[in-house]
Amino acid sequence: MINGSVTSNSIQVNTTNISPAVAIVSSADTICEASVITFTATAQNSGTTPLYQWKLNGTNVGTNSSTYSNSQWTDGDVVSCVLTAIPALSCSGSTTAVSNPIKITVKSKQPPSVNIATPSQTICTGSATTFTAAAVNAGVLPFYQWQVNGNNTGGNSNTYSTSLLVDGDIVSCLIATDPNYNCAAVSNATSNQIIMTVVNALQPTISINVSANDICERSQVTFTANIQNAGPNVSYTWKVNSANAGSNTNSFVSNNLKDGDQVYCMLDPVGTNCATGPVNSNVVTMLVNALPVLSIMPADTFVYSGNTVQLNASSSINLVSYSWSPSSLLQSTITLAPKTVPLNNDALFTFQGVTNKGCMAAVTASVKILKQFFMPDAFTPNNDGLNDLFRVPPNVSLKLTEFSVYDRWGNKIFTTGDVRRGWDGNYKGVKLGSGVFVYIVNGSNEKGSVFMKGTVFLIR
């Protein structure tokens, strides 16, 4: 303390500039004519009771409120708000603030429309069909009124289903716009009209006929289907004794049917028209007569030229007629057991028989001529190209076992099992002189064993 005075501590004071601010938002910025838009202002640093001045295109509108609503708009209108704060809270010396502007887009009202469609305008009697309405410019929840021939039907839905239409019925739909939708120029609209074609459902029919149903075994027959009320797209399933047969055509051909087989055809209209199916045809029961089983004894035989053969034919079924061929080689053709004429060449005989059902069969039997052969009684092995070998003659039907040559003292001087080889008159590389030699031929042919023995004269 000096002279009775005291000095205190010091305090530094800092100041901050606080300015008011305001921002606005709108419930919408793109609307239809006469639509209400509400704007809301949010103030900062303005005290508890600031003043709001709304402006439309720069002109004061509205009241001293943080919200502003209006329904009278012109495309391109601009809304803003001027905020005046309490002076005591404005440290910067400024008491007003201007908001962001919001530009309004106004669309002109358009008339509503509605279009209806259905999968097919042609249906069968009693068939259910559905109509669907597509509304445009009618709001979220338009009202639907369906009509058939101008009479109200159905419910308040964008679809209408029915199975009660008759030929010529006209289907349409009326709509009323959503009450909360104000972008429509008018409040209702009428759809396009759909004129229905309703076809009476007809029961398809199928019948089959056959080229013959009393046939002989292995005879070919053709079945043909005749259809009515089935439309252009059908499916055929042929059946033999309930088992699938043939192909998807209106005809079926077979040569393998058995006696008592039952043949029919199933028709399916494939759902392409108003016919219902599938349906079965009439059943054809086949009468298949057995073929005679014929035989000739002997079936195949061999004889020497100039001999005859006794043939015997038989049949598993009584025959009403029969024939032999070639008749020129038989002593008689009106018997089941004819004898051939003396044969000098191979022959093939055919026996043909016919039953009382007209079923015909044939069988054949061959007779082949054995060529008798004779060994030469002399040969001249002098290399002149004529009779140089002693051998079994060519073209003889013989399976050779042994062909041997012996001298007069019984010595074997040549032997072979090859029917194509022969003796050249040599023994151990030495030419033998003229003389008589003994030969044997041992083998077999179609008739059995063959054995020949004789002499041959070698001439030098």
Foldseek 3Di string as FASTA:
>chain_A
DPPPDDDDDDDDDDDDFDAKEKAKDKPDQEEEAQDKIKMFMDMDLADDQKFKFKDKVRHTDDHRDRMDMDRHDDQFIKIKIKIAGDQVSGPVRDGIYIYDIGTHGYDYAAAKAKEKDWPDLEEEQQDKTKIFMDIDSQDDQKFKWKDKVRHTDDHRDRMDMDRHDAQFIKIWMKIAGDPVRDRHPHGIYIYDIRTHGYHYADAKAKAKDKPDQAEEQQDKIKIFIDMPRLDDAKFKFKDWVNDTDDHRDRMHMDRHDDQQIKIKIWMCSPPPDRYHDTDIYDIRTHHYHYAKDKDKPPQEEEEAAQDKDKIAMDIPADFPDKFKPPPVQWPDTRDRITMGGGHHAKDKMKMKTAHPSRHIDMGIGIYGHAYDFDFAQEAELPPPPGRQFRATDPPHQWQWDKKWKAAPVGHTQDMDRDRVDTDRCDGPNHHDAWDKIKIWTWTAGRVGTDIDIDIHTYHD
